[in-house]
Amino acid sequence: MNKKTWAKIALVLLVVALFAIAHQLGVIERLEDPARLKQAILDWGAWGYVAFVVAYAALQPFGVPGTVFIFAAPLVWPWPIAFALSMTGTMAASVVGFSFARFVARDWVSARIPERFKKYEEALAKRAFATVFVLRLVLWMPPLLHAFFGVSKVRFSTHFWGSLLGYVVPLFLVSFFGEKLFELLRTAPPSVWIATAAVVVVIAIGVWRWRRRVV
């Protein structure tokens, strides 16, 4: 077998290993019980960091929303640790998704990339770094975006560094303000919850419409 075939086998084995580790650590089972999961992660100490990153990297590229992890992190750890873990997990998931699309299932993935993403192929060819940076800043880490970059002609190093810089601002904001916002809402009267929910809905619709125009 040639080097490319060995690389595909190695990547598949890596993904399988990540799932196995997440299962053995009990992360997947505890996703249904947030309080239990939080206490378990804290009890694990430094191994909790490993469990978080492994679960993120193994699950997010294949369908589990990354926002579940990055919004949960500041509720478990102080914001500097939450930010570092969110960045590490997001980058790991991005690399796994990118590599899976490029080296393992390129043809299968290519056939499933939405047409709206394909209009960025020319931009990637001319301004690869800037395009990766902007798309990550705006869209964050959807699995389809990992896949799109993987089947595109963008270099791995360009994808890595463009993604890293694009993630910094949104992940910092979530890590720094996430716990504060949660505590504020937890102690707020019902009227504040209703007003907040209305604002969130309006913002969500606005962001959705804007993203539809972008992509």
N, C-alpha and C. Protein backbone atom coordinates (compact mmCIF):
# COMPACT_ATOMS: atom_id res chain seq x y z
N MET A 1 0.83 -1.20 0.00
CA MET A 1 0.00 0.00 0.00
C MET A 1 0.87 1.25 0.00
N ASN A 2 0.39 2.29 -0.67
CA ASN A 2 1.15 3.52 -0.72
C ASN A 2 0.92 4.37 0.53
N LYS A 3 1.65 5.49 0.61
CA LYS A 3 1.57 6.34 1.80
C LYS A 3 0.18 6.92 1.99
N LYS A 4 -0.50 7.26 0.89
CA LYS A 4 -1.82 7.86 1.00
C LYS A 4 -2.81 6.88 1.61
N THR A 5 -2.72 5.60 1.22
CA THR A 5 -3.61 4.58 1.78
C THR A 5 -3.35 4.40 3.26
N TRP A 6 -2.06 4.37 3.64
CA TRP A 6 -1.72 4.24 5.06
C TRP A 6 -2.23 5.43 5.86
N ALA A 7 -2.17 6.62 5.25
CA ALA A 7 -2.66 7.82 5.94
C ALA A 7 -4.16 7.72 6.19
N LYS A 8 -4.91 7.21 5.21
CA LYS A 8 -6.35 7.05 5.38
C LYS A 8 -6.66 6.06 6.50
N ILE A 9 -5.94 4.95 6.51
CA ILE A 9 -6.15 3.93 7.54
C ILE A 9 -5.85 4.51 8.92
N ALA A 10 -4.75 5.26 9.00
CA ALA A 10 -4.34 5.85 10.28
C ALA A 10 -5.39 6.83 10.78
N LEU A 11 -5.96 7.63 9.88
CA LEU A 11 -6.96 8.61 10.28
C LEU A 11 -8.24 7.93 10.76
N VAL A 12 -8.67 6.89 10.05
CA VAL A 12 -9.85 6.13 10.47
C VAL A 12 -9.63 5.53 11.86
N LEU A 13 -8.45 4.96 12.06
CA LEU A 13 -8.13 4.37 13.37
C LEU A 13 -8.11 5.44 14.46
N LEU A 14 -7.64 6.65 14.12
CA LEU A 14 -7.62 7.74 15.09
C LEU A 14 -9.03 8.12 15.51
N VAL A 15 -9.94 8.25 14.53
CA VAL A 15 -11.33 8.60 14.85
C VAL A 15 -11.97 7.52 15.71
N VAL A 16 -11.74 6.26 15.35
CA VAL A 16 -12.29 5.14 16.13
C VAL A 16 -11.73 5.18 17.55
N ALA A 17 -10.44 5.45 17.66
CA ALA A 17 -9.81 5.52 18.98
C ALA A 17 -10.39 6.65 19.82
N LEU A 18 -10.67 7.81 19.20
CA LEU A 18 -11.26 8.92 19.92
C LEU A 18 -12.65 8.56 20.45
N PHE A 19 -13.45 7.89 19.63
CA PHE A 19 -14.76 7.44 20.09
C PHE A 19 -14.62 6.46 21.25
N ALA A 20 -13.68 5.53 21.12
CA ALA A 20 -13.49 4.52 22.16
C ALA A 20 -13.07 5.15 23.48
N ILE A 21 -12.16 6.12 23.40
CA ILE A 21 -11.69 6.80 24.62
C ILE A 21 -12.83 7.57 25.26
N ALA A 22 -13.60 8.28 24.44
CA ALA A 22 -14.74 9.03 24.98
C ALA A 22 -15.73 8.10 25.66
N HIS A 23 -15.94 6.93 25.07
CA HIS A 23 -16.86 5.95 25.67
C HIS A 23 -16.30 5.41 26.98
N GLN A 24 -15.02 5.05 26.98
CA GLN A 24 -14.42 4.50 28.19
C GLN A 24 -14.40 5.51 29.33
N LEU A 25 -14.22 6.77 29.02
CA LEU A 25 -14.23 7.80 30.05
C LEU A 25 -15.63 8.14 30.53
N GLY A 26 -16.64 7.58 29.85
CA GLY A 26 -18.01 7.82 30.27
C GLY A 26 -18.58 9.13 29.80
N VAL A 27 -17.90 9.80 28.89
CA VAL A 27 -18.35 11.13 28.45
C VAL A 27 -19.65 11.03 27.66
N ILE A 28 -19.72 10.08 26.75
CA ILE A 28 -20.89 9.97 25.88
C ILE A 28 -22.14 9.67 26.70
N GLU A 29 -22.04 8.72 27.65
CA GLU A 29 -23.19 8.36 28.47
C GLU A 29 -23.66 9.52 29.33
N ARG A 30 -22.73 10.34 29.82
CA ARG A 30 -23.08 11.41 30.74
C ARG A 30 -23.57 12.68 30.04
N LEU A 31 -23.54 12.69 28.72
CA LEU A 31 -24.03 13.87 28.01
C LEU A 31 -25.51 14.12 28.30
N GLU A 32 -26.24 13.07 28.68
CA GLU A 32 -27.66 13.21 28.97
C GLU A 32 -27.91 13.79 30.36
N ASP A 33 -26.89 13.89 31.20
CA ASP A 33 -27.04 14.40 32.56
C ASP A 33 -25.98 15.46 32.82
N PRO A 34 -26.25 16.73 32.47
CA PRO A 34 -25.24 17.79 32.58
C PRO A 34 -24.63 17.93 33.96
N ALA A 35 -25.47 17.86 35.02
CA ALA A 35 -24.94 18.03 36.37
C ALA A 35 -23.97 16.92 36.73
N ARG A 36 -24.35 15.71 36.38
CA ARG A 36 -23.49 14.55 36.64
C ARG A 36 -22.21 14.64 35.83
N LEU A 37 -22.35 15.09 34.58
CA LEU A 37 -21.18 15.23 33.71
C LEU A 37 -20.21 16.26 34.28
N LYS A 38 -20.74 17.41 34.74
CA LYS A 38 -19.88 18.46 35.29
C LYS A 38 -19.10 17.95 36.49
N GLN A 39 -19.79 17.27 37.41
CA GLN A 39 -19.11 16.78 38.61
C GLN A 39 -18.07 15.73 38.26
N ALA A 40 -18.41 14.87 37.30
CA ALA A 40 -17.46 13.84 36.88
C ALA A 40 -16.21 14.46 36.28
N ILE A 41 -16.40 15.49 35.46
CA ILE A 41 -15.25 16.15 34.83
C ILE A 41 -14.38 16.82 35.88
N LEU A 42 -14.99 17.48 36.86
CA LEU A 42 -14.21 18.12 37.92
C LEU A 42 -13.47 17.08 38.76
N ASP A 43 -14.12 15.94 39.00
CA ASP A 43 -13.49 14.88 39.78
C ASP A 43 -12.28 14.30 39.06
N TRP A 44 -12.31 14.33 37.74
CA TRP A 44 -11.20 13.79 36.97
C TRP A 44 -9.96 14.68 36.99
N GLY A 45 -10.12 15.93 37.40
CA GLY A 45 -8.99 16.85 37.42
C GLY A 45 -8.47 17.13 36.02
N ALA A 46 -7.16 16.94 35.83
CA ALA A 46 -6.55 17.19 34.52
C ALA A 46 -7.10 16.25 33.46
N TRP A 47 -7.52 15.04 33.87
CA TRP A 47 -8.10 14.12 32.90
C TRP A 47 -9.43 14.64 32.37
N GLY A 48 -10.08 15.52 33.12
CA GLY A 48 -11.30 16.14 32.63
C GLY A 48 -11.03 16.98 31.40
N TYR A 49 -9.87 17.65 31.39
CA TYR A 49 -9.49 18.43 30.21
C TYR A 49 -9.36 17.50 28.99
N VAL A 50 -8.71 16.37 29.22
CA VAL A 50 -8.51 15.41 28.14
C VAL A 50 -9.85 14.88 27.64
N ALA A 51 -10.74 14.55 28.57
CA ALA A 51 -12.06 14.02 28.19
C ALA A 51 -12.83 15.03 27.36
N PHE A 52 -12.77 16.29 27.78
CA PHE A 52 -13.48 17.34 27.05
C PHE A 52 -12.97 17.45 25.62
N VAL A 53 -11.66 17.54 25.46
CA VAL A 53 -11.08 17.72 24.12
C VAL A 53 -11.31 16.49 23.26
N VAL A 54 -11.15 15.30 23.85
CA VAL A 54 -11.34 14.06 23.07
C VAL A 54 -12.79 13.94 22.62
N ALA A 55 -13.74 14.18 23.53
CA ALA A 55 -15.15 14.09 23.16
C ALA A 55 -15.49 15.12 22.08
N TYR A 56 -14.99 16.33 22.24
CA TYR A 56 -15.22 17.39 21.26
C TYR A 56 -14.69 16.97 19.89
N ALA A 57 -13.44 16.53 19.85
CA ALA A 57 -12.81 16.17 18.57
C ALA A 57 -13.46 14.96 17.92
N ALA A 58 -13.96 14.04 18.74
CA ALA A 58 -14.55 12.81 18.20
C ALA A 58 -15.98 12.99 17.75
N LEU A 59 -16.73 13.84 18.44
CA LEU A 59 -18.17 13.93 18.18
C LEU A 59 -18.57 15.09 17.27
N GLN A 60 -17.94 16.26 17.45
CA GLN A 60 -18.39 17.43 16.71
C GLN A 60 -18.27 17.31 15.19
N PRO A 61 -17.17 16.78 14.63
CA PRO A 61 -17.09 16.70 13.17
C PRO A 61 -18.16 15.81 12.54
N PHE A 62 -18.82 14.98 13.37
CA PHE A 62 -19.78 14.03 12.83
C PHE A 62 -21.21 14.29 13.32
N GLY A 63 -21.47 15.54 13.74
CA GLY A 63 -22.85 15.90 13.98
C GLY A 63 -23.21 16.54 15.30
N VAL A 64 -22.45 16.32 16.38
CA VAL A 64 -22.78 16.94 17.66
C VAL A 64 -22.38 18.42 17.59
N PRO A 65 -23.30 19.35 17.87
CA PRO A 65 -22.98 20.79 17.74
C PRO A 65 -21.81 21.21 18.63
N GLY A 66 -20.88 21.94 18.06
CA GLY A 66 -19.75 22.44 18.83
C GLY A 66 -20.17 23.44 19.90
N THR A 67 -21.31 24.12 19.68
CA THR A 67 -21.79 25.08 20.66
C THR A 67 -22.12 24.41 21.99
N VAL A 68 -22.49 23.13 21.95
CA VAL A 68 -22.75 22.40 23.20
C VAL A 68 -21.50 22.42 24.08
N PHE A 69 -20.35 22.23 23.46
CA PHE A 69 -19.10 22.18 24.21
C PHE A 69 -18.63 23.56 24.65
N ILE A 70 -18.67 24.53 23.74
CA ILE A 70 -18.08 25.82 24.08
C ILE A 70 -18.96 26.61 25.06
N PHE A 71 -20.27 26.35 25.07
CA PHE A 71 -21.13 27.01 26.05
C PHE A 71 -21.10 26.27 27.39
N ALA A 72 -20.80 24.99 27.36
CA ALA A 72 -20.72 24.22 28.61
C ALA A 72 -19.41 24.47 29.34
N ALA A 73 -18.33 24.71 28.60
CA ALA A 73 -17.00 24.84 29.22
C ALA A 73 -16.94 25.92 30.30
N PRO A 74 -17.44 27.15 30.07
CA PRO A 74 -17.36 28.16 31.13
C PRO A 74 -18.26 27.89 32.32
N LEU A 75 -19.18 26.93 32.19
CA LEU A 75 -20.02 26.55 33.33
C LEU A 75 -19.32 25.51 34.20
N VAL A 76 -18.23 24.95 33.68
CA VAL A 76 -17.48 23.93 34.42
C VAL A 76 -16.19 24.50 34.98
N TRP A 77 -15.47 25.29 34.17
CA TRP A 77 -14.15 25.80 34.57
C TRP A 77 -14.13 27.32 34.55
N PRO A 78 -13.12 27.92 35.21
CA PRO A 78 -12.90 29.37 35.08
C PRO A 78 -12.67 29.72 33.62
N TRP A 79 -13.00 30.97 33.26
CA TRP A 79 -13.02 31.31 31.84
C TRP A 79 -11.67 31.12 31.14
N PRO A 80 -10.50 31.39 31.76
CA PRO A 80 -9.26 31.15 31.01
C PRO A 80 -9.08 29.68 30.61
N ILE A 81 -9.43 28.77 31.53
CA ILE A 81 -9.33 27.34 31.21
C ILE A 81 -10.38 26.97 30.17
N ALA A 82 -11.60 27.50 30.33
CA ALA A 82 -12.66 27.22 29.37
C ALA A 82 -12.27 27.70 27.97
N PHE A 83 -11.66 28.88 27.89
CA PHE A 83 -11.24 29.41 26.59
C PHE A 83 -10.16 28.53 25.97
N ALA A 84 -9.17 28.15 26.77
CA ALA A 84 -8.08 27.30 26.25
C ALA A 84 -8.62 25.96 25.77
N LEU A 85 -9.51 25.36 26.55
CA LEU A 85 -10.07 24.06 26.16
C LEU A 85 -10.99 24.19 24.95
N SER A 86 -11.77 25.27 24.89
CA SER A 86 -12.65 25.48 23.74
C SER A 86 -11.83 25.65 22.46
N MET A 87 -10.76 26.42 22.54
CA MET A 87 -9.89 26.61 21.38
C MET A 87 -9.25 25.29 20.97
N THR A 88 -8.74 24.55 21.96
CA THR A 88 -8.07 23.27 21.65
C THR A 88 -9.06 22.28 21.06
N GLY A 89 -10.23 22.14 21.68
CA GLY A 89 -11.23 21.21 21.17
C GLY A 89 -11.75 21.59 19.80
N THR A 90 -11.99 22.89 19.59
CA THR A 90 -12.50 23.35 18.30
C THR A 90 -11.48 23.13 17.20
N MET A 91 -10.22 23.42 17.48
CA MET A 91 -9.18 23.19 16.49
C MET A 91 -9.00 21.70 16.20
N ALA A 92 -9.05 20.87 17.25
CA ALA A 92 -8.93 19.43 17.06
C ALA A 92 -10.07 18.90 16.20
N ALA A 93 -11.30 19.35 16.49
CA ALA A 93 -12.45 18.92 15.70
C ALA A 93 -12.33 19.40 14.25
N SER A 94 -11.84 20.62 14.06
CA SER A 94 -11.67 21.16 12.71
C SER A 94 -10.66 20.34 11.92
N VAL A 95 -9.57 19.96 12.58
CA VAL A 95 -8.54 19.17 11.91
C VAL A 95 -9.07 17.78 11.57
N VAL A 96 -9.80 17.16 12.49
CA VAL A 96 -10.37 15.84 12.23
C VAL A 96 -11.36 15.90 11.07
N GLY A 97 -12.26 16.89 11.09
CA GLY A 97 -13.23 17.02 10.00
C GLY A 97 -12.58 17.31 8.67
N PHE A 98 -11.60 18.21 8.67
CA PHE A 98 -10.86 18.55 7.46
C PHE A 98 -10.13 17.33 6.91
N SER A 99 -9.43 16.63 7.78
CA SER A 99 -8.62 15.47 7.36
C SER A 99 -9.49 14.32 6.88
N PHE A 100 -10.62 14.10 7.54
CA PHE A 100 -11.53 13.04 7.11
C PHE A 100 -12.02 13.31 5.69
N ALA A 101 -12.40 14.57 5.43
CA ALA A 101 -12.89 14.91 4.10
C ALA A 101 -11.79 14.83 3.04
N ARG A 102 -10.58 15.22 3.40
CA ARG A 102 -9.51 15.26 2.41
C ARG A 102 -8.87 13.90 2.15
N PHE A 103 -8.68 13.09 3.18
CA PHE A 103 -7.88 11.88 3.04
C PHE A 103 -8.66 10.58 3.09
N VAL A 104 -9.87 10.59 3.63
CA VAL A 104 -10.60 9.33 3.82
C VAL A 104 -11.78 9.20 2.88
N ALA A 105 -12.65 10.20 2.84
CA ALA A 105 -13.91 10.06 2.09
C ALA A 105 -14.13 11.26 1.17
N ARG A 106 -13.11 11.63 0.43
CA ARG A 106 -13.17 12.84 -0.39
C ARG A 106 -14.32 12.82 -1.40
N ASP A 107 -14.45 11.74 -2.14
CA ASP A 107 -15.50 11.67 -3.16
C ASP A 107 -16.89 11.69 -2.53
N TRP A 108 -17.06 10.92 -1.46
CA TRP A 108 -18.35 10.84 -0.79
C TRP A 108 -18.73 12.20 -0.20
N VAL A 109 -17.76 12.88 0.39
CA VAL A 109 -18.01 14.19 1.00
C VAL A 109 -18.29 15.23 -0.08
N SER A 110 -17.52 15.21 -1.16
CA SER A 110 -17.68 16.20 -2.23
C SER A 110 -19.09 16.21 -2.79
N ALA A 111 -19.69 15.03 -2.88
CA ALA A 111 -21.04 14.93 -3.44
C ALA A 111 -22.09 15.51 -2.51
N ARG A 112 -21.71 15.75 -1.27
CA ARG A 112 -22.69 16.22 -0.27
C ARG A 112 -22.46 17.66 0.19
N ILE A 113 -21.50 18.35 -0.42
CA ILE A 113 -21.25 19.75 -0.08
C ILE A 113 -22.34 20.61 -0.70
N PRO A 114 -23.05 21.42 0.08
CA PRO A 114 -24.11 22.27 -0.48
C PRO A 114 -23.56 23.22 -1.54
N GLU A 115 -24.38 23.51 -2.52
CA GLU A 115 -23.97 24.39 -3.61
C GLU A 115 -23.57 25.78 -3.11
N ARG A 116 -24.22 26.23 -2.01
CA ARG A 116 -23.95 27.58 -1.53
C ARG A 116 -22.51 27.74 -1.05
N PHE A 117 -21.87 26.63 -0.67
CA PHE A 117 -20.48 26.71 -0.24
C PHE A 117 -19.53 26.82 -1.44
N LYS A 118 -19.94 26.25 -2.56
CA LYS A 118 -19.05 26.15 -3.70
C LYS A 118 -18.70 27.49 -4.32
N LYS A 119 -19.51 28.50 -4.04
CA LYS A 119 -19.20 29.82 -4.59
C LYS A 119 -17.94 30.41 -3.97
N TYR A 120 -17.45 29.81 -2.88
CA TYR A 120 -16.24 30.30 -2.24
C TYR A 120 -14.97 29.63 -2.78
N GLU A 121 -15.11 28.71 -3.71
CA GLU A 121 -13.94 28.02 -4.25
C GLU A 121 -12.99 28.99 -4.94
N GLU A 122 -13.55 29.93 -5.69
CA GLU A 122 -12.70 30.93 -6.37
C GLU A 122 -12.02 31.84 -5.35
N ALA A 123 -12.75 32.23 -4.32
CA ALA A 123 -12.17 33.08 -3.27
C ALA A 123 -11.05 32.35 -2.54
N LEU A 124 -11.23 31.05 -2.31
CA LEU A 124 -10.18 30.26 -1.66
C LEU A 124 -8.94 30.19 -2.53
N ALA A 125 -9.14 30.10 -3.84
CA ALA A 125 -8.00 30.02 -4.75
C ALA A 125 -7.21 31.33 -4.78
N LYS A 126 -7.92 32.47 -4.64
CA LYS A 126 -7.25 33.78 -4.73
C LYS A 126 -6.84 34.34 -3.37
N ARG A 127 -7.70 34.14 -2.36
CA ARG A 127 -7.46 34.72 -1.02
C ARG A 127 -7.77 33.66 0.02
N ALA A 128 -6.99 32.59 0.02
CA ALA A 128 -7.31 31.43 0.84
C ALA A 128 -7.35 31.76 2.33
N PHE A 129 -6.30 32.40 2.83
CA PHE A 129 -6.23 32.67 4.26
C PHE A 129 -7.36 33.58 4.72
N ALA A 130 -7.58 34.67 3.98
CA ALA A 130 -8.64 35.62 4.36
C ALA A 130 -10.01 34.97 4.30
N THR A 131 -10.24 34.10 3.30
CA THR A 131 -11.53 33.44 3.16
C THR A 131 -11.78 32.48 4.31
N VAL A 132 -10.76 31.69 4.66
CA VAL A 132 -10.90 30.77 5.79
C VAL A 132 -11.17 31.55 7.07
N PHE A 133 -10.42 32.62 7.28
CA PHE A 133 -10.57 33.44 8.49
C PHE A 133 -12.00 33.99 8.61
N VAL A 134 -12.51 34.58 7.54
CA VAL A 134 -13.84 35.20 7.58
C VAL A 134 -14.93 34.15 7.78
N LEU A 135 -14.83 33.03 7.07
CA LEU A 135 -15.86 32.00 7.22
C LEU A 135 -15.87 31.41 8.62
N ARG A 136 -14.69 31.23 9.22
CA ARG A 136 -14.64 30.73 10.59
C ARG A 136 -15.16 31.78 11.58
N LEU A 137 -14.84 33.02 11.34
CA LEU A 137 -15.31 34.09 12.23
C LEU A 137 -16.83 34.20 12.21
N VAL A 138 -17.42 34.03 11.03
CA VAL A 138 -18.86 34.19 10.86
C VAL A 138 -19.63 32.91 11.18
N LEU A 139 -19.16 31.79 10.65
CA LEU A 139 -19.91 30.53 10.74
C LEU A 139 -19.42 29.60 11.84
N TRP A 140 -18.25 29.87 12.40
CA TRP A 140 -17.65 29.05 13.45
C TRP A 140 -17.27 27.66 12.92
N MET A 141 -17.88 26.59 13.49
CA MET A 141 -17.34 25.26 13.23
C MET A 141 -18.35 24.22 12.74
N PRO A 142 -19.26 24.55 11.83
CA PRO A 142 -20.18 23.52 11.36
C PRO A 142 -19.43 22.40 10.62
N PRO A 143 -19.82 21.14 10.83
CA PRO A 143 -19.13 20.03 10.16
C PRO A 143 -19.03 20.18 8.65
N LEU A 144 -20.08 20.75 8.04
CA LEU A 144 -20.05 20.92 6.58
C LEU A 144 -18.95 21.88 6.15
N LEU A 145 -18.61 22.84 7.00
CA LEU A 145 -17.54 23.76 6.66
C LEU A 145 -16.19 23.07 6.76
N HIS A 146 -16.01 22.21 7.78
CA HIS A 146 -14.80 21.39 7.85
C HIS A 146 -14.65 20.61 6.54
N ALA A 147 -15.76 19.98 6.14
CA ALA A 147 -15.74 19.13 4.96
C ALA A 147 -15.44 19.94 3.70
N PHE A 148 -16.05 21.12 3.60
CA PHE A 148 -15.82 21.96 2.42
C PHE A 148 -14.34 22.33 2.29
N PHE A 149 -13.75 22.74 3.38
CA PHE A 149 -12.31 23.07 3.34
C PHE A 149 -11.49 21.83 2.99
N GLY A 150 -11.92 20.68 3.50
CA GLY A 150 -11.17 19.45 3.24
C GLY A 150 -11.14 19.06 1.78
N VAL A 151 -12.25 19.26 1.07
CA VAL A 151 -12.29 18.87 -0.35
C VAL A 151 -11.85 20.00 -1.27
N SER A 152 -11.61 21.17 -0.69
CA SER A 152 -11.13 22.30 -1.50
C SER A 152 -9.63 22.16 -1.73
N LYS A 153 -9.06 23.14 -2.41
CA LYS A 153 -7.62 23.12 -2.70
C LYS A 153 -6.81 23.90 -1.67
N VAL A 154 -7.47 24.37 -0.61
CA VAL A 154 -6.74 25.14 0.39
C VAL A 154 -5.73 24.25 1.11
N ARG A 155 -4.56 24.78 1.38
CA ARG A 155 -3.52 24.01 2.06
C ARG A 155 -3.89 23.80 3.52
N PHE A 156 -3.40 22.69 4.08
CA PHE A 156 -3.70 22.38 5.47
C PHE A 156 -3.23 23.50 6.40
N SER A 157 -2.01 23.99 6.18
CA SER A 157 -1.46 25.04 7.05
C SER A 157 -2.29 26.31 6.98
N THR A 158 -2.76 26.66 5.77
CA THR A 158 -3.60 27.85 5.61
C THR A 158 -4.92 27.66 6.35
N HIS A 159 -5.51 26.49 6.19
CA HIS A 159 -6.75 26.19 6.91
C HIS A 159 -6.54 26.24 8.41
N PHE A 160 -5.45 25.69 8.89
CA PHE A 160 -5.20 25.63 10.33
C PHE A 160 -5.08 27.02 10.93
N TRP A 161 -4.18 27.84 10.37
CA TRP A 161 -3.93 29.16 10.96
C TRP A 161 -5.08 30.13 10.72
N GLY A 162 -5.72 30.04 9.56
CA GLY A 162 -6.89 30.89 9.30
C GLY A 162 -8.03 30.56 10.25
N SER A 163 -8.24 29.26 10.48
CA SER A 163 -9.28 28.83 11.42
C SER A 163 -8.95 29.27 12.84
N LEU A 164 -7.70 29.10 13.24
CA LEU A 164 -7.28 29.46 14.59
C LEU A 164 -7.58 30.93 14.88
N LEU A 165 -7.19 31.81 13.98
CA LEU A 165 -7.43 33.24 14.20
C LEU A 165 -8.91 33.58 14.11
N GLY A 166 -9.64 32.89 13.23
CA GLY A 166 -11.07 33.16 13.09
C GLY A 166 -11.87 32.75 14.32
N TYR A 167 -11.39 31.76 15.05
CA TYR A 167 -12.11 31.28 16.23
C TYR A 167 -11.86 32.14 17.47
N VAL A 168 -10.76 32.87 17.52
CA VAL A 168 -10.33 33.53 18.75
C VAL A 168 -11.40 34.43 19.35
N VAL A 169 -11.94 35.36 18.57
CA VAL A 169 -12.89 36.33 19.12
C VAL A 169 -14.19 35.68 19.59
N PRO A 170 -14.89 34.89 18.76
CA PRO A 170 -16.16 34.31 19.25
C PRO A 170 -15.98 33.38 20.43
N LEU A 171 -14.92 32.58 20.44
CA LEU A 171 -14.72 31.65 21.56
C LEU A 171 -14.33 32.40 22.83
N PHE A 172 -13.57 33.47 22.68
CA PHE A 172 -13.23 34.28 23.86
C PHE A 172 -14.49 34.89 24.46
N LEU A 173 -15.35 35.45 23.63
CA LEU A 173 -16.57 36.08 24.13
C LEU A 173 -17.46 35.07 24.86
N VAL A 174 -17.61 33.88 24.27
CA VAL A 174 -18.44 32.86 24.92
C VAL A 174 -17.81 32.42 26.23
N SER A 175 -16.49 32.22 26.24
CA SER A 175 -15.80 31.76 27.45
C SER A 175 -15.84 32.81 28.55
N PHE A 176 -15.66 34.06 28.20
CA PHE A 176 -15.58 35.13 29.20
C PHE A 176 -16.95 35.49 29.76
N PHE A 177 -17.96 35.58 28.89
CA PHE A 177 -19.28 36.05 29.32
C PHE A 177 -20.27 34.92 29.58
N GLY A 178 -19.93 33.70 29.19
CA GLY A 178 -20.89 32.60 29.28
C GLY A 178 -21.42 32.37 30.67
N GLU A 179 -20.53 32.20 31.66
CA GLU A 179 -20.97 31.93 33.03
C GLU A 179 -21.71 33.13 33.61
N LYS A 180 -21.21 34.34 33.32
CA LYS A 180 -21.85 35.56 33.84
C LYS A 180 -23.28 35.68 33.31
N LEU A 181 -23.44 35.40 32.02
CA LEU A 181 -24.77 35.48 31.44
C LEU A 181 -25.69 34.42 32.03
N PHE A 182 -25.16 33.23 32.23
CA PHE A 182 -25.96 32.15 32.80
C PHE A 182 -26.41 32.50 34.21
N GLU A 183 -25.51 33.03 35.03
CA GLU A 183 -25.86 33.40 36.41
C GLU A 183 -26.87 34.55 36.44
N LEU A 184 -26.70 35.49 35.53
CA LEU A 184 -27.63 36.61 35.45
C LEU A 184 -29.03 36.13 35.12
N LEU A 185 -29.13 35.24 34.18
CA LEU A 185 -30.44 34.72 33.77
C LEU A 185 -31.03 33.80 34.84
N ARG A 186 -30.17 33.08 35.52
CA ARG A 186 -30.65 32.13 36.53
C ARG A 186 -31.34 32.85 37.68
N THR A 187 -30.86 34.03 38.04
CA THR A 187 -31.42 34.77 39.18
C THR A 187 -32.41 35.86 38.75
N ALA A 188 -32.67 35.95 37.45
CA ALA A 188 -33.55 37.01 36.95
C ALA A 188 -35.01 36.65 37.13
N PRO A 189 -35.89 37.64 37.27
CA PRO A 189 -37.34 37.39 37.36
C PRO A 189 -37.89 36.93 36.01
N PRO A 190 -39.09 36.36 36.00
CA PRO A 190 -39.68 35.85 34.75
C PRO A 190 -39.76 36.89 33.63
N SER A 191 -40.02 38.15 33.99
CA SER A 191 -40.14 39.18 32.95
C SER A 191 -38.84 39.33 32.17
N VAL A 192 -37.71 39.20 32.88
CA VAL A 192 -36.41 39.30 32.21
C VAL A 192 -36.20 38.10 31.29
N TRP A 193 -36.63 36.93 31.74
CA TRP A 193 -36.51 35.73 30.91
C TRP A 193 -37.31 35.90 29.61
N ILE A 194 -38.51 36.42 29.75
CA ILE A 194 -39.36 36.60 28.57
C ILE A 194 -38.73 37.60 27.60
N ALA A 195 -38.25 38.73 28.15
CA ALA A 195 -37.62 39.74 27.30
C ALA A 195 -36.35 39.20 26.65
N THR A 196 -35.57 38.46 27.43
CA THR A 196 -34.33 37.88 26.90
C THR A 196 -34.63 36.88 25.79
N ALA A 197 -35.65 36.06 26.03
CA ALA A 197 -36.02 35.07 25.01
C ALA A 197 -36.44 35.76 23.72
N ALA A 198 -37.19 36.85 23.84
CA ALA A 198 -37.63 37.58 22.65
C ALA A 198 -36.44 38.15 21.90
N VAL A 199 -35.49 38.73 22.65
CA VAL A 199 -34.28 39.28 22.02
C VAL A 199 -33.48 38.20 21.34
N VAL A 200 -33.33 37.06 22.02
CA VAL A 200 -32.57 35.95 21.45
C VAL A 200 -33.20 35.47 20.15
N VAL A 201 -34.53 35.38 20.14
CA VAL A 201 -35.23 34.94 18.93
C VAL A 201 -34.99 35.92 17.78
N VAL A 202 -35.11 37.21 18.08
CA VAL A 202 -34.89 38.23 17.05
C VAL A 202 -33.45 38.16 16.52
N ILE A 203 -32.49 38.05 17.45
CA ILE A 203 -31.09 37.98 17.04
C ILE A 203 -30.84 36.71 16.23
N ALA A 204 -31.41 35.60 16.70
CA ALA A 204 -31.21 34.32 15.99
C ALA A 204 -31.74 34.39 14.57
N ILE A 205 -32.91 35.00 14.41
CA ILE A 205 -33.48 35.13 13.06
C ILE A 205 -32.61 36.04 12.20
N GLY A 206 -32.15 37.15 12.81
CA GLY A 206 -31.28 38.05 12.06
C GLY A 206 -29.98 37.40 11.63
N VAL A 207 -29.36 36.65 12.58
CA VAL A 207 -28.11 35.95 12.25
C VAL A 207 -28.36 34.90 11.20
N TRP A 208 -29.47 34.16 11.32
CA TRP A 208 -29.79 33.12 10.34
C TRP A 208 -29.94 33.71 8.95
N ARG A 209 -30.67 34.81 8.85
CA ARG A 209 -30.88 35.45 7.54
C ARG A 209 -29.56 35.99 6.98
N TRP A 210 -28.72 36.54 7.87
CA TRP A 210 -27.42 37.06 7.41
C TRP A 210 -26.53 35.93 6.92
N ARG A 211 -26.51 34.81 7.68
CA ARG A 211 -25.69 33.68 7.26
C ARG A 211 -26.18 33.09 5.94
N ARG A 212 -27.50 33.08 5.75
CA ARG A 212 -28.03 32.59 4.48
C ARG A 212 -27.53 33.44 3.32
N ARG A 213 -27.40 34.74 3.54
CA ARG A 213 -26.87 35.61 2.49
C ARG A 213 -25.39 35.38 2.27
N VAL A 214 -24.68 35.13 3.38
CA VAL A 214 -23.22 34.92 3.28
C VAL A 214 -22.90 33.63 2.59
N VAL A 215 -23.61 32.55 2.96
CA VAL A 215 -23.30 31.24 2.41
C VAL A 215 -24.33 30.82 1.35
